[in-house]
Amino acid sequence: MTFNNASGNSVTITLPEPKASLTSVQIDAVMDQIITTNIFLTSGGELISKRDVKIVDTTTEDLYDPA
């Protein structure tokens, strides 16, 4: 989840292993709650708006067998 802070800088909050069933509505509500409750303070001030949200899925396939 990426937010804008009071200085206009982006702030990213990363959560490991999000639920596969998450919806954009649920994520939007959580981001609104984070902004409303003002629970994170950054060096550039409080979080004031949503900028972006992404779910990153990384798959590793080992192609080398040293046997």
Protein backbone atom coordinates (compact mmCIF):
# COMPACT_ATOMS: atom_id res chain seq x y z
CA MET A 1 0.00 0.00 0.00
CA THR A 2 1.43 3.35 -0.96
CA PHE A 3 0.27 6.62 0.60
CA ASN A 4 1.11 10.31 0.24
CA ASN A 5 2.31 12.04 3.39
CA ALA A 6 1.90 15.68 4.37
CA SER A 7 5.16 16.59 2.58
CA GLY A 8 3.94 15.05 -0.67
CA ASN A 9 6.30 12.09 -0.48
CA SER A 10 5.25 8.50 -1.00
CA VAL A 11 5.24 6.07 1.91
CA THR A 12 4.91 2.32 1.35
CA ILE A 13 3.56 -0.16 3.89
CA THR A 14 4.30 -3.76 2.97
CA LEU A 15 2.43 -6.74 4.39
CA PRO A 16 3.82 -10.24 3.88
CA GLU A 17 1.52 -12.95 2.60
CA PRO A 18 -1.79 -11.12 2.11
CA LYS A 19 -4.95 -13.23 1.90
CA ALA A 20 -5.62 -14.52 -1.58
CA SER A 21 -9.28 -13.57 -1.22
CA LEU A 22 -8.69 -9.84 -0.62
CA THR A 23 -10.87 -7.52 -2.68
CA SER A 24 -10.17 -3.98 -3.80
CA VAL A 25 -13.08 -2.82 -1.61
CA GLN A 26 -11.49 -4.36 1.49
CA ILE A 27 -8.08 -2.88 0.70
CA ASP A 28 -9.61 0.54 0.05
CA ALA A 29 -11.40 0.41 3.43
CA VAL A 30 -8.21 -0.53 5.28
CA MET A 31 -6.27 2.27 3.62
CA ASP A 32 -9.02 4.74 4.58
CA GLN A 33 -8.87 3.47 8.16
CA ILE A 34 -5.08 3.86 8.30
CA ILE A 35 -5.42 7.49 7.14
CA THR A 36 -8.37 8.28 9.42
CA THR A 37 -6.85 6.80 12.59
CA ASN A 38 -3.51 8.49 11.89
CA ILE A 39 -1.57 5.58 13.38
CA PHE A 40 1.59 6.07 11.33
CA LEU A 41 3.77 9.15 11.48
CA THR A 42 6.51 9.54 8.89
CA SER A 43 9.45 11.91 8.68
CA GLY A 44 7.33 13.89 6.19
CA GLY A 45 4.30 14.04 8.49
CA GLU A 46 1.08 12.08 8.67
CA LEU A 47 -0.38 10.02 5.84
CA ILE A 48 -2.96 12.11 4.04
CA SER A 49 -4.05 10.21 0.92
CA LYS A 50 -3.88 6.93 -0.99
CA ARG A 51 -1.48 6.70 -3.90
CA ASP A 52 -1.41 3.06 -5.04
CA VAL A 53 -1.85 -0.55 -3.98
CA LYS A 54 -0.29 -3.65 -5.47
CA ILE A 55 -0.12 -7.31 -4.63
CA VAL A 56 3.27 -8.63 -5.71
CA ASP A 57 3.59 -12.36 -6.31
CA THR A 58 7.09 -13.74 -6.67
CA THR A 59 7.77 -17.24 -7.89
CA THR A 60 11.21 -18.81 -7.81
CA GLU A 61 12.10 -21.73 -10.04
CA ASP A 62 15.52 -23.31 -9.50
CA LEU A 63 16.88 -24.24 -12.92
CA TYR A 64 20.29 -25.48 -11.84
CA ASP A 65 21.00 -28.86 -10.25
CA PRO A 66 24.67 -29.10 -9.22
CA ALA A 67 24.45 -32.92 -8.89
